[in-house]
Amino acid sequence: MSKTSIPERSPIGDVVDGAIIGLEDSTQTALFVGSDVPANSILIARGTLIVRYGIRYLGKPHLSIVPGLVAIDYGTFLTGEEAWEFLIKRSNLYPRAEVFGYRNDGHDEMMTVKTLDLAQPFEALVYSNATTTIPTARPSGVISEANTPLPLRVAELLPQYATLEAWRKAVTDHE
């Protein structure tokens, strides 16, 4: 019997040149994509950032896992985009498939597909580099000009605001 080698984890991630900013009177953060960070914001991180996506736990929506490796029945392993596409489109066929990754708090985790809530919106998590497992921020939106190109998943998941003031108003209206 031949031994199947287990591939390295490879979570999906979209690269964005920008900054993570916050507000003095709020715990909310935003991904800022543009040339000049607004002076009346708190700069948390700046440069080339990695946006990854967490799948929320069933019954525990405050927790999510960033999938790095999926093990399907009979020794089939998926990583990267292939694993993400499987989880989004075909995981209902394999409810006992195992998902290995890191939680949104940085802890190493293994979950089965049936314990994940794929009906909930995914959680956007921003990392300062491609190797860290603890997110720098969980942005509630993107601040950018209308014609600024964004990765498709970022544009689909996070609400976009044209100005810091528009984002601030949206954040303070919901707190």
C-alpha atoms as a PDB file:
ATOM      1  CA  MET A   1       0.000   0.000   0.000  1.00  0.00           C
ATOM      2  CA  SER A   2       1.456   3.368  -0.967  1.00  0.00           C
ATOM      3  CA  LYS A   3       1.531   6.201   1.491  1.00  0.00           C
ATOM      4  CA  THR A   4      -0.172   9.458   0.503  1.00  0.00           C
ATOM      5  CA  SER A   5       1.871  12.486   1.473  1.00  0.00           C
ATOM      6  CA  ILE A   6      -0.031  15.227   3.236  1.00  0.00           C
ATOM      7  CA  PRO A   7       0.499  18.605   1.542  1.00  0.00           C
ATOM      8  CA  GLU A   8       1.444  21.775   3.392  1.00  0.00           C
ATOM      9  CA  ARG A   9      -1.430  24.016   4.419  1.00  0.00           C
ATOM     10  CA  SER A  10      -2.096  26.752   1.918  1.00  0.00           C
ATOM     11  CA  PRO A  11      -4.930  29.118   2.882  1.00  0.00           C
ATOM     12  CA  ILE A  12      -6.279  31.437   0.232  1.00  0.00           C
ATOM     13  CA  GLY A  13      -5.384  35.061   0.603  1.00  0.00           C
ATOM     14  CA  ASP A  14      -5.798  38.214  -1.398  1.00  0.00           C
ATOM     15  CA  VAL A  15      -2.949  40.723  -1.417  1.00  0.00           C
ATOM     16  CA  VAL A  16      -3.888  44.363  -0.839  1.00  0.00           C
ATOM     17  CA  ASP A  17      -1.597  47.377  -0.623  1.00  0.00           C
ATOM     18  CA  GLY A  18      -3.167  49.589   1.978  1.00  0.00           C
ATOM     19  CA  ALA A  19      -3.614  50.205   5.666  1.00  0.00           C
ATOM     20  CA  ILE A  20      -5.705  49.121   8.602  1.00  0.00           C
ATOM     21  CA  ILE A  21      -7.151  52.098  10.408  1.00  0.00           C
ATOM     22  CA  GLY A  22      -9.270  52.508  13.506  1.00  0.00           C
ATOM     23  CA  LEU A  23     -11.117  55.177  15.400  1.00  0.00           C
ATOM     24  CA  GLU A  24     -10.294  56.590  18.836  1.00  0.00           C
ATOM     25  CA  ASP A  25     -13.774  55.994  20.175  1.00  0.00           C
ATOM     26  CA  SER A  26     -14.440  52.551  18.678  1.00  0.00           C
ATOM     27  CA  THR A  27     -12.992  49.052  18.417  1.00  0.00           C
ATOM     28  CA  GLN A  28     -14.002  48.882  14.740  1.00  0.00           C
ATOM     29  CA  THR A  29     -11.343  48.795  12.022  1.00  0.00           C
ATOM     30  CA  ALA A  30     -11.403  49.386   8.285  1.00  0.00           C
ATOM     31  CA  LEU A  31      -9.191  48.415   5.386  1.00  0.00           C
ATOM     32  CA  PHE A  32      -8.031  51.638   3.753  1.00  0.00           C
ATOM     33  CA  VAL A  33      -6.932  51.406   0.120  1.00  0.00           C
ATOM     34  CA  GLY A  34      -5.622  54.701  -1.193  1.00  0.00           C
ATOM     35  CA  SER A  35      -2.747  57.090  -1.162  1.00  0.00           C
ATOM     36  CA  ASP A  36      -3.066  59.070   2.059  1.00  0.00           C
ATOM     37  CA  VAL A  37      -4.292  57.651   5.355  1.00  0.00           C
ATOM     38  CA  PRO A  38      -6.725  60.149   6.920  1.00  0.00           C
ATOM     39  CA  ALA A  39      -5.094  62.214   9.669  1.00  0.00           C
ATOM     40  CA  ASN A  40      -8.024  61.776  12.054  1.00  0.00           C
ATOM     41  CA  SER A  41      -7.704  57.976  12.173  1.00  0.00           C
ATOM     42  CA  ILE A  42      -5.493  55.572  14.098  1.00  0.00           C
ATOM     43  CA  LEU A  43      -2.977  53.710  11.923  1.00  0.00           C
ATOM     44  CA  ILE A  44      -2.750  50.047  12.971  1.00  0.00           C
ATOM     45  CA  ALA A  45      -0.823  48.562  10.036  1.00  0.00           C
ATOM     46  CA  ARG A  46       0.349  49.704   6.620  1.00  0.00           C
ATOM     47  CA  GLY A  47       1.910  48.108   3.553  1.00  0.00           C
ATOM     48  CA  THR A  48       1.267  44.875   1.735  1.00  0.00           C
ATOM     49  CA  LEU A  49      -1.507  43.121   3.660  1.00  0.00           C
ATOM     50  CA  ILE A  50      -3.057  39.673   3.223  1.00  0.00           C
ATOM     51  CA  VAL A  51      -6.844  39.326   3.443  1.00  0.00           C
ATOM     52  CA  ARG A  52      -7.972  35.808   4.360  1.00  0.00           C
ATOM     53  CA  TYR A  53     -11.457  34.469   4.915  1.00  0.00           C
ATOM     54  CA  GLY A  54     -12.841  32.614   7.909  1.00  0.00           C
ATOM     55  CA  ILE A  55     -15.776  30.222   7.798  1.00  0.00           C
ATOM     56  CA  ARG A  56     -17.891  30.651  10.927  1.00  0.00           C
ATOM     57  CA  TYR A  57     -18.646  27.805  13.331  1.00  0.00           C
ATOM     58  CA  LEU A  58     -22.169  26.455  13.523  1.00  0.00           C
ATOM     59  CA  GLY A  59     -23.726  27.873  16.702  1.00  0.00           C
ATOM     60  CA  LYS A  60     -20.614  29.945  17.532  1.00  0.00           C
ATOM     61  CA  PRO A  61     -20.535  32.756  14.966  1.00  0.00           C
ATOM     62  CA  HIS A  62     -17.846  34.660  16.896  1.00  0.00           C
ATOM     63  CA  LEU A  63     -15.398  31.887  15.927  1.00  0.00           C
ATOM     64  CA  SER A  64     -14.220  31.091  12.421  1.00  0.00           C
ATOM     65  CA  ILE A  65     -11.558  28.940  10.786  1.00  0.00           C
ATOM     66  CA  VAL A  66      -9.319  29.970   7.904  1.00  0.00           C
ATOM     67  CA  PRO A  67      -9.061  26.731   5.908  1.00  0.00           C
ATOM     68  CA  GLY A  68      -5.546  25.697   4.932  1.00  0.00           C
ATOM     69  CA  LEU A  69      -6.084  22.009   4.165  1.00  0.00           C
ATOM     70  CA  VAL A  70      -9.166  19.866   3.574  1.00  0.00           C
ATOM     71  CA  ALA A  71      -9.018  16.081   3.979  1.00  0.00           C
ATOM     72  CA  ILE A  72     -11.790  14.264   2.133  1.00  0.00           C
ATOM     73  CA  ASP A  73     -12.585  10.556   2.385  1.00  0.00           C
ATOM     74  CA  TYR A  74     -10.052   8.071   1.064  1.00  0.00           C
ATOM     75  CA  GLY A  75      -6.956  10.218   1.475  1.00  0.00           C
ATOM     76  CA  THR A  76      -7.767  13.069  -0.889  1.00  0.00           C
ATOM     77  CA  PHE A  77      -6.282  16.392   0.221  1.00  0.00           C
ATOM     78  CA  LEU A  78      -7.124  19.865  -1.064  1.00  0.00           C
ATOM     79  CA  THR A  79      -5.354  23.179  -0.444  1.00  0.00           C
ATOM     80  CA  GLY A  80      -5.618  26.779  -1.635  1.00  0.00           C
ATOM     81  CA  GLU A  81      -8.272  27.756  -4.164  1.00  0.00           C
ATOM     82  CA  GLU A  82      -9.185  24.111  -4.757  1.00  0.00           C
ATOM     83  CA  ALA A  83      -9.998  23.641  -1.054  1.00  0.00           C
ATOM     84  CA  TRP A  84     -11.959  26.915  -0.943  1.00  0.00           C
ATOM     85  CA  GLU A  85     -14.027  26.001  -4.010  1.00  0.00           C
ATOM     86  CA  PHE A  86     -14.737  22.557  -2.539  1.00  0.00           C
ATOM     87  CA  LEU A  87     -15.937  24.065   0.750  1.00  0.00           C
ATOM     88  CA  ILE A  88     -18.163  26.613  -0.982  1.00  0.00           C
ATOM     89  CA  LYS A  89     -19.628  24.422  -3.708  1.00  0.00           C
ATOM     90  CA  ARG A  90     -19.365  20.700  -2.858  1.00  0.00           C
ATOM     91  CA  SER A  91     -18.724  20.220   0.852  1.00  0.00           C
ATOM     92  CA  ASN A  92     -22.337  19.181   1.469  1.00  0.00           C
ATOM     93  CA  LEU A  93     -21.454  15.896  -0.283  1.00  0.00           C
ATOM     94  CA  TYR A  94     -18.776  15.157   2.352  1.00  0.00           C
ATOM     95  CA  PRO A  95     -20.039  16.343   5.773  1.00  0.00           C
ATOM     96  CA  ARG A  96     -17.296  14.398   7.587  1.00  0.00           C
ATOM     97  CA  ALA A  97     -14.474  15.986   5.583  1.00  0.00           C
ATOM     98  CA  GLU A  98     -11.916  17.539   7.910  1.00  0.00           C
ATOM     99  CA  VAL A  99     -10.853  21.163   7.654  1.00  0.00           C
ATOM    100  CA  PHE A 100      -7.448  22.107   9.085  1.00  0.00           C
ATOM    101  CA  GLY A 101      -6.526  25.738   9.620  1.00  0.00           C
ATOM    102  CA  TYR A 102      -6.202  28.518  12.127  1.00  0.00           C
ATOM    103  CA  ARG A 103      -9.058  30.112  14.032  1.00  0.00           C
ATOM    104  CA  ASN A 104      -9.678  33.827  13.937  1.00  0.00           C
ATOM    105  CA  ASP A 105      -7.773  34.041  17.246  1.00  0.00           C
ATOM    106  CA  GLY A 106      -4.695  32.309  15.788  1.00  0.00           C
ATOM    107  CA  HIS A 107      -5.124  28.889  17.409  1.00  0.00           C
ATOM    108  CA  ASP A 108      -4.479  25.766  15.329  1.00  0.00           C
ATOM    109  CA  GLU A 109      -7.767  23.951  14.674  1.00  0.00           C
ATOM    110  CA  MET A 110      -9.382  20.973  12.962  1.00  0.00           C
ATOM    111  CA  MET A 111     -13.122  20.915  12.295  1.00  0.00           C
ATOM    112  CA  THR A 112     -15.447  18.727  10.271  1.00  0.00           C
ATOM    113  CA  VAL A 113     -17.464  20.365   7.506  1.00  0.00           C
ATOM    114  CA  LYS A 114     -20.748  19.605   9.265  1.00  0.00           C
ATOM    115  CA  THR A 115     -19.706  21.842  12.200  1.00  0.00           C
ATOM    116  CA  LEU A 116     -19.195  24.883   9.952  1.00  0.00           C
ATOM    117  CA  ASP A 117     -21.922  27.369   9.049  1.00  0.00           C
ATOM    118  CA  LEU A 118     -21.489  27.952   5.332  1.00  0.00           C
ATOM    119  CA  ALA A 119     -24.758  29.934   5.222  1.00  0.00           C
ATOM    120  CA  GLN A 120     -23.261  32.752   7.328  1.00  0.00           C
ATOM    121  CA  PRO A 121     -21.196  35.498   5.686  1.00  0.00           C
ATOM    122  CA  PHE A 122     -17.484  34.752   5.760  1.00  0.00           C
ATOM    123  CA  GLU A 123     -15.278  36.730   8.114  1.00  0.00           C
ATOM    124  CA  ALA A 124     -12.622  38.947   6.518  1.00  0.00           C
ATOM    125  CA  LEU A 125      -9.354  38.786   8.429  1.00  0.00           C
ATOM    126  CA  VAL A 126      -6.329  40.939   7.612  1.00  0.00           C
ATOM    127  CA  TYR A 127      -2.799  39.689   8.275  1.00  0.00           C
ATOM    128  CA  SER A 128       0.428  41.682   8.241  1.00  0.00           C
ATOM    129  CA  ASN A 129       2.218  38.992   6.200  1.00  0.00           C
ATOM    130  CA  ALA A 130       1.638  35.622   4.537  1.00  0.00           C
ATOM    131  CA  THR A 131       3.076  33.483   7.347  1.00  0.00           C
ATOM    132  CA  THR A 132       1.447  34.848  10.497  1.00  0.00           C
ATOM    133  CA  THR A 133      -1.561  33.022  11.921  1.00  0.00           C
ATOM    134  CA  ILE A 134      -2.919  35.789  14.154  1.00  0.00           C
ATOM    135  CA  PRO A 135      -4.922  38.428  12.281  1.00  0.00           C
ATOM    136  CA  THR A 136      -3.984  42.074  12.650  1.00  0.00           C
ATOM    137  CA  ALA A 137      -7.597  43.169  12.217  1.00  0.00           C
ATOM    138  CA  ARG A 138     -11.163  42.151  11.418  1.00  0.00           C
ATOM    139  CA  PRO A 139     -12.266  45.064   9.261  1.00  0.00           C
ATOM    140  CA  SER A 140     -15.907  46.081   9.083  1.00  0.00           C
ATOM    141  CA  GLY A 141     -15.482  47.801   5.727  1.00  0.00           C
ATOM    142  CA  VAL A 142     -13.202  49.109   2.994  1.00  0.00           C
ATOM    143  CA  ILE A 143     -12.499  52.794   2.503  1.00  0.00           C
ATOM    144  CA  SER A 144     -11.507  53.489  -1.097  1.00  0.00           C
ATOM    145  CA  GLU A 145     -12.412  55.566  -4.100  1.00  0.00           C
ATOM    146  CA  ALA A 146     -15.039  54.056  -6.394  1.00  0.00           C
ATOM    147  CA  ASN A 147     -12.588  53.246  -9.195  1.00  0.00           C
ATOM    148  CA  THR A 148      -9.958  51.619  -6.960  1.00  0.00           C
ATOM    149  CA  PRO A 149      -9.472  47.978  -7.964  1.00  0.00           C
ATOM    150  CA  LEU A 150     -10.068  45.516  -5.127  1.00  0.00           C
ATOM    151  CA  PRO A 151      -9.766  41.726  -5.041  1.00  0.00           C
ATOM    152  CA  LEU A 152     -13.144  40.221  -5.942  1.00  0.00           C
ATOM    153  CA  ARG A 153     -13.696  38.487  -2.590  1.00  0.00           C
ATOM    154  CA  VAL A 154     -12.871  41.683  -0.672  1.00  0.00           C
ATOM    155  CA  ALA A 155     -15.305  43.688  -2.806  1.00  0.00           C
ATOM    156  CA  GLU A 156     -18.046  41.080  -2.359  1.00  0.00           C
ATOM    157  CA  LEU A 157     -17.622  40.589   1.389  1.00  0.00           C
ATOM    158  CA  LEU A 158     -16.887  44.013   2.853  1.00  0.00           C
ATOM    159  CA  PRO A 159     -19.060  47.107   2.436  1.00  0.00           C
ATOM    160  CA  GLN A 160     -17.252  49.912   0.626  1.00  0.00           C
ATOM    161  CA  TYR A 161     -17.142  53.540   1.727  1.00  0.00           C
ATOM    162  CA  ALA A 162     -15.788  56.489  -0.241  1.00  0.00           C
ATOM    163  CA  THR A 163     -14.565  58.420   2.811  1.00  0.00           C
ATOM    164  CA  LEU A 164     -13.521  57.934   6.413  1.00  0.00           C
ATOM    165  CA  GLU A 165     -16.526  60.014   7.464  1.00  0.00           C
ATOM    166  CA  ALA A 166     -18.967  57.708   5.629  1.00  0.00           C
ATOM    167  CA  TRP A 167     -17.435  54.645   7.319  1.00  0.00           C
ATOM    168  CA  ARG A 168     -17.411  56.412  10.729  1.00  0.00           C
ATOM    169  CA  LYS A 169     -21.117  57.234  10.368  1.00  0.00           C
ATOM    170  CA  ALA A 170     -21.960  53.621   9.449  1.00  0.00           C
ATOM    171  CA  VAL A 171     -19.940  52.288  12.391  1.00  0.00           C
ATOM    172  CA  THR A 172     -21.349  54.691  14.974  1.00  0.00           C
ATOM    173  CA  ASP A 173     -24.923  54.137  13.757  1.00  0.00           C
ATOM    174  CA  HIS A 174     -24.559  50.399  14.523  1.00  0.00           C
ATOM    175  CA  GLU A 175     -22.869  50.648  17.927  1.00  0.00           C
END
